Amino acid sequence: MTDENANHNRLTGNILTALSMHLKGKPCQTYALRMKVKAGHNYFYPDVFVDCSDVDGYFTETPTMIVEVLSKSTRRMDETTKRMLYLQIPTLQE
């Protein structure tokens, strides 16, 4: 979130809108902003994620899709540490 600029914001909004429209009428929901994903013992704020379970609260452990919009300041962590931990989530498909 440290390098969020207009382009980052537009990309995140476009992805959120496209996924929300695609999932309309389906049991899955899109989330963004202050919703967290728990991966191992860590909590992260992905730019956008999809969850098909009944999320209640401020975080989920069952996302099916996670989207990170890469920026110069967060790219290394997004592509290494976060990716490694995200891939260990059993429900993650994309």
PDB file of N, CA and C in Angstrom:
ATOM      1  N   MET A   1       0.803  -1.204   0.000  1.00  0.00           N
ATOM      2  CA  MET A   1       0.000   0.000   0.000  1.00  0.00           C
ATOM      3  C   MET A   1       0.843   1.265   0.000  1.00  0.00           C
ATOM      4  N   THR A   2       2.132   1.126   0.208  1.00  0.00           N
ATOM      5  CA  THR A   2       2.963   2.300   0.356  1.00  0.00           C
ATOM      6  C   THR A   2       3.138   3.089  -0.932  1.00  0.00           C
ATOM      7  N   ASP A   3       2.988   2.454  -2.086  1.00  0.00           N
ATOM      8  CA  ASP A   3       3.246   3.124  -3.356  1.00  0.00           C
ATOM      9  C   ASP A   3       1.966   3.239  -4.178  1.00  0.00           C
ATOM     10  N   GLU A   4       0.822   3.386  -3.526  1.00  0.00           N
ATOM     11  CA  GLU A   4      -0.440   3.458  -4.252  1.00  0.00           C
ATOM     12  C   GLU A   4      -0.584   4.832  -4.887  1.00  0.00           C
ATOM     13  N   ASN A   5      -0.637   4.839  -6.204  1.00  0.00           N
ATOM     14  CA  ASN A   5      -0.804   6.084  -6.936  1.00  0.00           C
ATOM     15  C   ASN A   5      -2.043   5.955  -7.816  1.00  0.00           C
ATOM     16  N   ALA A   6      -2.267   6.917  -8.693  1.00  0.00           N
ATOM     17  CA  ALA A   6      -3.457   6.917  -9.534  1.00  0.00           C
ATOM     18  C   ALA A   6      -3.528   5.675 -10.418  1.00  0.00           C
ATOM     19  N   ASN A   7      -2.414   5.276 -11.037  1.00  0.00           N
ATOM     20  CA  ASN A   7      -2.435   4.091 -11.897  1.00  0.00           C
ATOM     21  C   ASN A   7      -2.727   2.826 -11.103  1.00  0.00           C
ATOM     22  N   HIS A   8      -2.105   2.699  -9.957  1.00  0.00           N
ATOM     23  CA  HIS A   8      -2.343   1.545  -9.082  1.00  0.00           C
ATOM     24  C   HIS A   8      -3.810   1.497  -8.687  1.00  0.00           C
ATOM     25  N   ASN A   9      -4.350   2.643  -8.330  1.00  0.00           N
ATOM     26  CA  ASN A   9      -5.746   2.736  -7.919  1.00  0.00           C
ATOM     27  C   ASN A   9      -6.684   2.365  -9.059  1.00  0.00           C
ATOM     28  N   ARG A  10      -6.410   2.854 -10.268  1.00  0.00           N
ATOM     29  CA  ARG A  10      -7.237   2.526 -11.440  1.00  0.00           C
ATOM     30  C   ARG A  10      -7.201   1.037 -11.751  1.00  0.00           C
ATOM     31  N   LEU A  11      -5.992   0.468 -11.755  1.00  0.00           N
ATOM     32  CA  LEU A  11      -5.864  -0.965 -12.031  1.00  0.00           C
ATOM     33  C   LEU A  11      -6.624  -1.800 -11.009  1.00  0.00           C
ATOM     34  N   THR A  12      -6.452  -1.475  -9.742  1.00  0.00           N
ATOM     35  CA  THR A  12      -7.155  -2.203  -8.688  1.00  0.00           C
ATOM     36  C   THR A  12      -8.665  -2.087  -8.873  1.00  0.00           C
ATOM     37  N   GLY A  13      -9.152  -0.896  -9.128  1.00  0.00           N
ATOM     38  CA  GLY A  13     -10.588  -0.681  -9.338  1.00  0.00           C
ATOM     39  C   GLY A  13     -11.113  -1.428 -10.544  1.00  0.00           C
ATOM     40  N   ASN A  14     -10.358  -1.422 -11.646  1.00  0.00           N
ATOM     41  CA  ASN A  14     -10.785  -2.137 -12.850  1.00  0.00           C
ATOM     42  C   ASN A  14     -10.846  -3.643 -12.623  1.00  0.00           C
ATOM     43  N   ILE A  15      -9.859  -4.179 -11.919  1.00  0.00           N
ATOM     44  CA  ILE A  15      -9.849  -5.617 -11.624  1.00  0.00           C
ATOM     45  C   ILE A  15     -11.012  -5.971 -10.710  1.00  0.00           C
ATOM     46  N   LEU A  16     -11.219  -5.174  -9.676  1.00  0.00           N
ATOM     47  CA  LEU A  16     -12.327  -5.407  -8.745  1.00  0.00           C
ATOM     48  C   LEU A  16     -13.671  -5.372  -9.482  1.00  0.00           C
ATOM     49  N   THR A  17     -13.864  -4.386 -10.341  1.00  0.00           N
ATOM     50  CA  THR A  17     -15.118  -4.260 -11.086  1.00  0.00           C
ATOM     51  C   THR A  17     -15.323  -5.437 -12.029  1.00  0.00           C
ATOM     52  N   ALA A  18     -14.295  -5.793 -12.789  1.00  0.00           N
ATOM     53  CA  ALA A  18     -14.411  -6.901 -13.744  1.00  0.00           C
ATOM     54  C   ALA A  18     -14.727  -8.216 -13.034  1.00  0.00           C
ATOM     55  N   LEU A  19     -14.022  -8.486 -11.937  1.00  0.00           N
ATOM     56  CA  LEU A  19     -14.283  -9.722 -11.199  1.00  0.00           C
ATOM     57  C   LEU A  19     -15.675  -9.710 -10.567  1.00  0.00           C
ATOM     58  N   SER A  20     -16.079  -8.576 -10.024  1.00  0.00           N
ATOM     59  CA  SER A  20     -17.413  -8.474  -9.417  1.00  0.00           C
ATOM     60  C   SER A  20     -18.506  -8.733 -10.441  1.00  0.00           C
ATOM     61  N   MET A  21     -18.354  -8.179 -11.636  1.00  0.00           N
ATOM     62  CA  MET A  21     -19.344  -8.393 -12.692  1.00  0.00           C
ATOM     63  C   MET A  21     -19.355  -9.861 -13.132  1.00  0.00           C
ATOM     64  N   HIS A  22     -18.179 -10.457 -13.245  1.00  0.00           N
ATOM     65  CA  HIS A  22     -18.076 -11.862 -13.648  1.00  0.00           C
ATOM     66  C   HIS A  22     -18.721 -12.792 -12.616  1.00  0.00           C
ATOM     67  N   LEU A  23     -18.605 -12.441 -11.353  1.00  0.00           N
ATOM     68  CA  LEU A  23     -19.102 -13.300 -10.280  1.00  0.00           C
ATOM     69  C   LEU A  23     -20.543 -12.995  -9.868  1.00  0.00           C
ATOM     70  N   LYS A  24     -21.174 -12.019 -10.514  1.00  0.00           N
ATOM     71  CA  LYS A  24     -22.541 -11.646 -10.159  1.00  0.00           C
ATOM     72  C   LYS A  24     -23.466 -12.873 -10.242  1.00  0.00           C
ATOM     73  N   GLY A  25     -24.215 -13.103  -9.177  1.00  0.00           N
ATOM     74  CA  GLY A  25     -25.128 -14.231  -9.122  1.00  0.00           C
ATOM     75  C   GLY A  25     -24.483 -15.542  -8.711  1.00  0.00           C
ATOM     76  N   LYS A  26     -23.196 -15.513  -8.432  1.00  0.00           N
ATOM     77  CA  LYS A  26     -22.468 -16.708  -7.997  1.00  0.00           C
ATOM     78  C   LYS A  26     -22.153 -16.575  -6.513  1.00  0.00           C
ATOM     79  N   PRO A  27     -21.809 -17.669  -5.859  1.00  0.00           N
ATOM     80  CA  PRO A  27     -21.588 -17.607  -4.400  1.00  0.00           C
ATOM     81  C   PRO A  27     -20.289 -16.922  -3.982  1.00  0.00           C
ATOM     82  N   CYS A  28     -19.418 -16.615  -4.910  1.00  0.00           N
ATOM     83  CA  CYS A  28     -18.143 -15.993  -4.576  1.00  0.00           C
ATOM     84  C   CYS A  28     -18.273 -14.475  -4.559  1.00  0.00           C
ATOM     85  N   GLN A  29     -17.440 -13.841  -3.746  1.00  0.00           N
ATOM     86  CA  GLN A  29     -17.443 -12.382  -3.602  1.00  0.00           C
ATOM     87  C   GLN A  29     -16.036 -11.835  -3.793  1.00  0.00           C
ATOM     88  N   THR A  30     -15.964 -10.602  -4.279  1.00  0.00           N
ATOM     89  CA  THR A  30     -14.677  -9.912  -4.379  1.00  0.00           C
ATOM     90  C   THR A  30     -14.494  -9.006  -3.170  1.00  0.00           C
ATOM     91  N   TYR A  31     -13.247  -8.849  -2.763  1.00  0.00           N
ATOM     92  CA  TYR A  31     -12.917  -8.004  -1.620  1.00  0.00           C
ATOM     93  C   TYR A  31     -11.685  -7.174  -1.954  1.00  0.00           C
ATOM     94  N   ALA A  32     -11.590  -6.026  -1.315  1.00  0.00           N
ATOM     95  CA  ALA A  32     -10.436  -5.148  -1.497  1.00  0.00           C
ATOM     96  C   ALA A  32     -10.319  -4.244  -0.277  1.00  0.00           C
ATOM     97  N   LEU A  33      -9.443  -3.289  -0.377  1.00  0.00           N
ATOM     98  CA  LEU A  33      -9.216  -2.281   0.653  1.00  0.00           C
ATOM     99  C   LEU A  33      -8.749  -2.886   1.958  1.00  0.00           C
ATOM    100  N   ARG A  34      -9.497  -2.797   2.997  1.00  0.00           N
ATOM    101  CA  ARG A  34      -9.023  -3.160   4.335  1.00  0.00           C
ATOM    102  C   ARG A  34      -9.341  -4.594   4.753  1.00  0.00           C
ATOM    103  N   MET A  35      -9.642  -5.467   3.810  1.00  0.00           N
ATOM    104  CA  MET A  35      -9.858  -6.883   4.127  1.00  0.00           C
ATOM    105  C   MET A  35      -8.521  -7.605   4.052  1.00  0.00           C
ATOM    106  N   LYS A  36      -8.254  -8.443   5.041  1.00  0.00           N
ATOM    107  CA  LYS A  36      -6.978  -9.150   5.120  1.00  0.00           C
ATOM    108  C   LYS A  36      -7.135 -10.614   4.712  1.00  0.00           C
ATOM    109  N   VAL A  37      -6.026 -11.198   4.285  1.00  0.00           N
ATOM    110  CA  VAL A  37      -5.915 -12.623   4.033  1.00  0.00           C
ATOM    111  C   VAL A  37      -4.879 -13.162   5.007  1.00  0.00           C
ATOM    112  N   LYS A  38      -5.243 -14.243   5.698  1.00  0.00           N
ATOM    113  CA  LYS A  38      -4.292 -14.887   6.595  1.00  0.00           C
ATOM    114  C   LYS A  38      -3.590 -15.985   5.816  1.00  0.00           C
ATOM    115  N   ALA A  39      -2.270 -15.917   5.805  1.00  0.00           N
ATOM    116  CA  ALA A  39      -1.441 -16.911   5.128  1.00  0.00           C
ATOM    117  C   ALA A  39      -0.390 -17.369   6.128  1.00  0.00           C
ATOM    118  N   GLY A  40      -0.525 -18.595   6.596  1.00  0.00           N
ATOM    119  CA  GLY A  40       0.347 -19.066   7.663  1.00  0.00           C
ATOM    120  C   GLY A  40       0.044 -18.283   8.922  1.00  0.00           C
ATOM    121  N   HIS A  41       1.066 -17.695   9.526  1.00  0.00           N
ATOM    122  CA  HIS A  41       0.891 -16.870  10.723  1.00  0.00           C
ATOM    123  C   HIS A  41       0.856 -15.379  10.385  1.00  0.00           C
ATOM    124  N   ASN A  42       0.787 -15.070   9.091  1.00  0.00           N
ATOM    125  CA  ASN A  42       0.859 -13.683   8.627  1.00  0.00           C
ATOM    126  C   ASN A  42      -0.477 -13.209   8.082  1.00  0.00           C
ATOM    127  N   TYR A  43      -0.688 -11.916   8.162  1.00  0.00           N
ATOM    128  CA  TYR A  43      -1.869 -11.279   7.594  1.00  0.00           C
ATOM    129  C   TYR A  43      -1.406 -10.269   6.550  1.00  0.00           C
ATOM    130  N   PHE A  44      -2.046 -10.310   5.381  1.00  0.00           N
ATOM    131  CA  PHE A  44      -1.699  -9.399   4.296  1.00  0.00           C
ATOM    132  C   PHE A  44      -2.950  -8.715   3.775  1.00  0.00           C
ATOM    133  N   TYR A  45      -2.742  -7.570   3.146  1.00  0.00           N
ATOM    134  CA  TYR A  45      -3.815  -6.825   2.490  1.00  0.00           C
ATOM    135  C   TYR A  45      -3.614  -6.915   0.974  1.00  0.00           C
ATOM    136  N   PRO A  46      -4.131  -7.948   0.319  1.00  0.00           N
ATOM    137  CA  PRO A  46      -4.011  -7.991  -1.144  1.00  0.00           C
ATOM    138  C   PRO A  46      -4.820  -6.850  -1.757  1.00  0.00           C
ATOM    139  N   ASP A  47      -4.458  -6.475  -2.977  1.00  0.00           N
ATOM    140  CA  ASP A  47      -5.215  -5.418  -3.649  1.00  0.00           C
ATOM    141  C   ASP A  47      -6.646  -5.872  -3.904  1.00  0.00           C
ATOM    142  N   VAL A  48      -6.812  -7.091  -4.367  1.00  0.00           N
ATOM    143  CA  VAL A  48      -8.131  -7.669  -4.622  1.00  0.00           C
ATOM    144  C   VAL A  48      -8.040  -9.155  -4.334  1.00  0.00           C
ATOM    145  N   PHE A  49      -9.105  -9.733  -3.786  1.00  0.00           N
ATOM    146  CA  PHE A  49      -9.164 -11.186  -3.690  1.00  0.00           C
ATOM    147  C   PHE A  49     -10.607 -11.650  -3.791  1.00  0.00           C
ATOM    148  N   VAL A  50     -10.745 -12.917  -4.119  1.00  0.00           N
ATOM    149  CA  VAL A  50     -12.053 -13.558  -4.247  1.00  0.00           C
ATOM    150  C   VAL A  50     -12.133 -14.652  -3.200  1.00  0.00           C
ATOM    151  N   ASP A  51     -13.280 -14.745  -2.546  1.00  0.00           N
ATOM    152  CA  ASP A  51     -13.506 -15.797  -1.562  1.00  0.00           C
ATOM    153  C   ASP A  51     -14.906 -16.365  -1.788  1.00  0.00           C
ATOM    154  N   CYS A  52     -15.010 -17.681  -1.755  1.00  0.00           N
ATOM    155  CA  CYS A  52     -16.294 -18.347  -2.011  1.00  0.00           C
ATOM    156  C   CYS A  52     -16.924 -18.903  -0.737  1.00  0.00           C
ATOM    157  N   SER A  53     -16.340 -18.599   0.401  1.00  0.00           N
ATOM    158  CA  SER A  53     -16.924 -19.031   1.672  1.00  0.00           C
ATOM    159  C   SER A  53     -17.711 -17.867   2.278  1.00  0.00           C
ATOM    160  N   ASP A  54     -18.271 -18.092   3.420  1.00  0.00           N
ATOM    161  CA  ASP A  54     -19.059 -17.069   4.104  1.00  0.00           C
ATOM    162  C   ASP A  54     -18.130 -16.242   4.992  1.00  0.00           C
ATOM    163  N   VAL A  55     -17.527 -15.216   4.421  1.00  0.00           N
ATOM    164  CA  VAL A  55     -16.573 -14.371   5.154  1.00  0.00           C
ATOM    165  C   VAL A  55     -17.339 -13.483   6.122  1.00  0.00           C
ATOM    166  N   ASP A  56     -16.898 -13.489   7.376  1.00  0.00           N
ATOM    167  CA  ASP A  56     -17.520 -12.656   8.392  1.00  0.00           C
ATOM    168  C   ASP A  56     -16.409 -12.099   9.272  1.00  0.00           C
ATOM    169  N   GLY A  57     -16.144 -10.847   9.151  1.00  0.00           N
ATOM    170  CA  GLY A  57     -15.079 -10.249   9.942  1.00  0.00           C
ATOM    171  C   GLY A  57     -14.145  -9.439   9.084  1.00  0.00           C
ATOM    172  N   TYR A  58     -12.888  -9.359   9.523  1.00  0.00           N
ATOM    173  CA  TYR A  58     -11.911  -8.509   8.870  1.00  0.00           C
ATOM    174  C   TYR A  58     -10.859  -9.265   8.067  1.00  0.00           C
ATOM    175  N   PHE A  59     -10.920 -10.596   8.079  1.00  0.00           N
ATOM    176  CA  PHE A  59      -9.939 -11.374   7.331  1.00  0.00           C
ATOM    177  C   PHE A  59     -10.547 -12.706   6.912  1.00  0.00           C
ATOM    178  N   THR A  60      -9.848 -13.365   5.992  1.00  0.00           N
ATOM    179  CA  THR A  60     -10.243 -14.693   5.557  1.00  0.00           C
ATOM    180  C   THR A  60      -9.012 -15.590   5.501  1.00  0.00           C
ATOM    181  N   GLU A  61      -9.243 -16.871   5.594  1.00  0.00           N
ATOM    182  CA  GLU A  61      -8.192 -17.867   5.413  1.00  0.00           C
ATOM    183  C   GLU A  61      -8.486 -18.732   4.198  1.00  0.00           C
ATOM    184  N   THR A  62      -9.560 -18.397   3.439  1.00  0.00           N
ATOM    185  CA  THR A  62     -10.016 -19.266   2.364  1.00  0.00           C
ATOM    186  C   THR A  62     -10.183 -18.561   1.010  1.00  0.00           C
ATOM    187  N   PRO A  63      -9.255 -17.702   0.608  1.00  0.00           N
ATOM    188  CA  PRO A  63      -9.416 -17.065  -0.703  1.00  0.00           C
ATOM    189  C   PRO A  63      -9.227 -18.087  -1.822  1.00  0.00           C
ATOM    190  N   THR A  64      -9.922 -17.865  -2.936  1.00  0.00           N
ATOM    191  CA  THR A  64      -9.722 -18.722  -4.107  1.00  0.00           C
ATOM    192  C   THR A  64      -8.861 -18.020  -5.151  1.00  0.00           C
ATOM    193  N   MET A  65      -8.806 -16.697  -5.098  1.00  0.00           N
ATOM    194  CA  MET A  65      -7.985 -15.913  -6.025  1.00  0.00           C
ATOM    195  C   MET A  65      -7.432 -14.699  -5.283  1.00  0.00           C
ATOM    196  N   ILE A  66      -6.163 -14.390  -5.541  1.00  0.00           N
ATOM    197  CA  ILE A  66      -5.535 -13.207  -4.963  1.00  0.00           C
ATOM    198  C   ILE A  66      -4.870 -12.424  -6.091  1.00  0.00           C
ATOM    199  N   VAL A  67      -5.091 -11.112  -6.109  1.00  0.00           N
ATOM    200  CA  VAL A  67      -4.485 -10.237  -7.105  1.00  0.00           C
ATOM    201  C   VAL A  67      -3.664  -9.173  -6.374  1.00  0.00           C
ATOM    202  N   GLU A  68      -2.407  -9.081  -6.740  1.00  0.00           N
ATOM    203  CA  GLU A  68      -1.533  -8.019  -6.243  1.00  0.00           C
ATOM    204  C   GLU A  68      -1.133  -7.162  -7.437  1.00  0.00           C
ATOM    205  N   VAL A  69      -1.393  -5.875  -7.376  1.00  0.00           N
ATOM    206  CA  VAL A  69      -0.936  -4.945  -8.405  1.00  0.00           C
ATOM    207  C   VAL A  69       0.470  -4.533  -7.997  1.00  0.00           C
ATOM    208  N   LEU A  70       1.441  -4.884  -8.823  1.00  0.00           N
ATOM    209  CA  LEU A  70       2.834  -4.660  -8.460  1.00  0.00           C
ATOM    210  C   LEU A  70       3.230  -3.191  -8.573  1.00  0.00           C
ATOM    211  N   SER A  71       4.055  -2.767  -7.650  1.00  0.00           N
ATOM    212  CA  SER A  71       4.623  -1.427  -7.686  1.00  0.00           C
ATOM    213  C   SER A  71       6.110  -1.539  -7.368  1.00  0.00           C
ATOM    214  N   LYS A  72       6.852  -0.512  -7.651  1.00  0.00           N
ATOM    215  CA  LYS A  72       8.305  -0.542  -7.432  1.00  0.00           C
ATOM    216  C   LYS A  72       8.654  -0.850  -5.977  1.00  0.00           C
ATOM    217  N   SER A  73       7.922  -0.259  -5.054  1.00  0.00           N
ATOM    218  CA  SER A  73       8.280  -0.398  -3.645  1.00  0.00           C
ATOM    219  C   SER A  73       7.859  -1.727  -3.034  1.00  0.00           C
ATOM    220  N   THR A  74       6.874  -2.416  -3.612  1.00  0.00           N
ATOM    221  CA  THR A  74       6.388  -3.666  -3.006  1.00  0.00           C
ATOM    222  C   THR A  74       6.632  -4.896  -3.870  1.00  0.00           C
ATOM    223  N   ARG A  75       7.133  -4.704  -5.079  1.00  0.00           N
ATOM    224  CA  ARG A  75       7.272  -5.807  -6.041  1.00  0.00           C
ATOM    225  C   ARG A  75       8.055  -6.996  -5.477  1.00  0.00           C
ATOM    226  N   ARG A  76       9.206  -6.735  -4.887  1.00  0.00           N
ATOM    227  CA  ARG A  76      10.045  -7.831  -4.396  1.00  0.00           C
ATOM    228  C   ARG A  76       9.309  -8.673  -3.352  1.00  0.00           C
ATOM    229  N   MET A  77       8.654  -8.037  -2.393  1.00  0.00           N
ATOM    230  CA  MET A  77       7.939  -8.790  -1.365  1.00  0.00           C
ATOM    231  C   MET A  77       6.723  -9.518  -1.956  1.00  0.00           C
ATOM    232  N   ASP A  78       6.010  -8.855  -2.884  1.00  0.00           N
ATOM    233  CA  ASP A  78       4.847  -9.483  -3.512  1.00  0.00           C
ATOM    234  C   ASP A  78       5.241 -10.741  -4.285  1.00  0.00           C
ATOM    235  N   GLU A  79       6.369 -10.685  -4.992  1.00  0.00           N
ATOM    236  CA  GLU A  79       6.785 -11.800  -5.840  1.00  0.00           C
ATOM    237  C   GLU A  79       7.533 -12.893  -5.086  1.00  0.00           C
ATOM    238  N   THR A  80       7.942 -12.637  -3.871  1.00  0.00           N
ATOM    239  CA  THR A  80       8.708 -13.646  -3.125  1.00  0.00           C
ATOM    240  C   THR A  80       7.959 -14.094  -1.876  1.00  0.00           C
ATOM    241  N   THR A  81       8.100 -13.351  -0.813  1.00  0.00           N
ATOM    242  CA  THR A  81       7.536 -13.743   0.480  1.00  0.00           C
ATOM    243  C   THR A  81       6.030 -13.969   0.422  1.00  0.00           C
ATOM    244  N   LYS A  82       5.292 -12.975  -0.078  1.00  0.00           N
ATOM    245  CA  LYS A  82       3.836 -13.099  -0.101  1.00  0.00           C
ATOM    246  C   LYS A  82       3.394 -14.232  -1.023  1.00  0.00           C
ATOM    247  N   ARG A  83       4.019 -14.313  -2.194  1.00  0.00           N
ATOM    248  CA  ARG A  83       3.650 -15.380  -3.132  1.00  0.00           C
ATOM    249  C   ARG A  83       3.867 -16.756  -2.518  1.00  0.00           C
ATOM    250  N   MET A  84       5.002 -16.974  -1.869  1.00  0.00           N
ATOM    251  CA  MET A  84       5.301 -18.257  -1.240  1.00  0.00           C
ATOM    252  C   MET A  84       4.232 -18.611  -0.192  1.00  0.00           C
ATOM    253  N   LEU A  85       3.873 -17.626   0.624  1.00  0.00           N
ATOM    254  CA  LEU A  85       2.870 -17.875   1.662  1.00  0.00           C
ATOM    255  C   LEU A  85       1.474 -18.058   1.061  1.00  0.00           C
ATOM    256  N   TYR A  86       1.133 -17.263   0.051  1.00  0.00           N
ATOM    257  CA  TYR A  86      -0.167 -17.415  -0.607  1.00  0.00           C
ATOM    258  C   TYR A  86      -0.315 -18.810  -1.201  1.00  0.00           C
ATOM    259  N   LEU A  87       0.741 -19.330  -1.821  1.00  0.00           N
ATOM    260  CA  LEU A  87       0.661 -20.637  -2.473  1.00  0.00           C
ATOM    261  C   LEU A  87       0.440 -21.780  -1.489  1.00  0.00           C
ATOM    262  N   GLN A  88       0.618 -21.534  -0.216  1.00  0.00           N
ATOM    263  CA  GLN A  88       0.378 -22.558   0.801  1.00  0.00           C
ATOM    264  C   GLN A  88      -1.073 -22.579   1.272  1.00  0.00           C
ATOM    265  N   ILE A  89      -1.884 -21.649   0.810  1.00  0.00           N
ATOM    266  CA  ILE A  89      -3.309 -21.615   1.192  1.00  0.00           C
ATOM    267  C   ILE A  89      -4.035 -22.698   0.393  1.00  0.00           C
ATOM    268  N   PRO A  90      -4.632 -23.691   1.065  1.00  0.00           N
ATOM    269  CA  PRO A  90      -5.246 -24.828   0.368  1.00  0.00           C
ATOM    270  C   PRO A  90      -6.360 -24.451  -0.617  1.00  0.00           C
ATOM    271  N   THR A  91      -7.114 -23.402  -0.342  1.00  0.00           N
ATOM    272  CA  THR A  91      -8.244 -23.037  -1.204  1.00  0.00           C
ATOM    273  C   THR A  91      -7.846 -22.205  -2.411  1.00  0.00           C
ATOM    274  N   LEU A  92      -6.610 -21.694  -2.441  1.00  0.00           N
ATOM    275  CA  LEU A  92      -6.183 -20.799  -3.503  1.00  0.00           C
ATOM    276  C   LEU A  92      -6.099 -21.534  -4.849  1.00  0.00           C
ATOM    277  N   GLN A  93      -6.768 -20.974  -5.844  1.00  0.00           N
ATOM    278  CA  GLN A  93      -6.756 -21.543  -7.194  1.00  0.00           C
ATOM    279  C   GLN A  93      -5.980 -20.674  -8.172  1.00  0.00           C
ATOM    280  N   GLU A  94      -6.006 -19.371  -7.971  1.00  0.00           N
ATOM    281  CA  GLU A  94      -5.312 -18.443  -8.876  1.00  0.00           C
ATOM    282  C   GLU A  94      -4.731 -17.292  -8.082  1.00  0.00           C
TER     283      GLU A  94
END
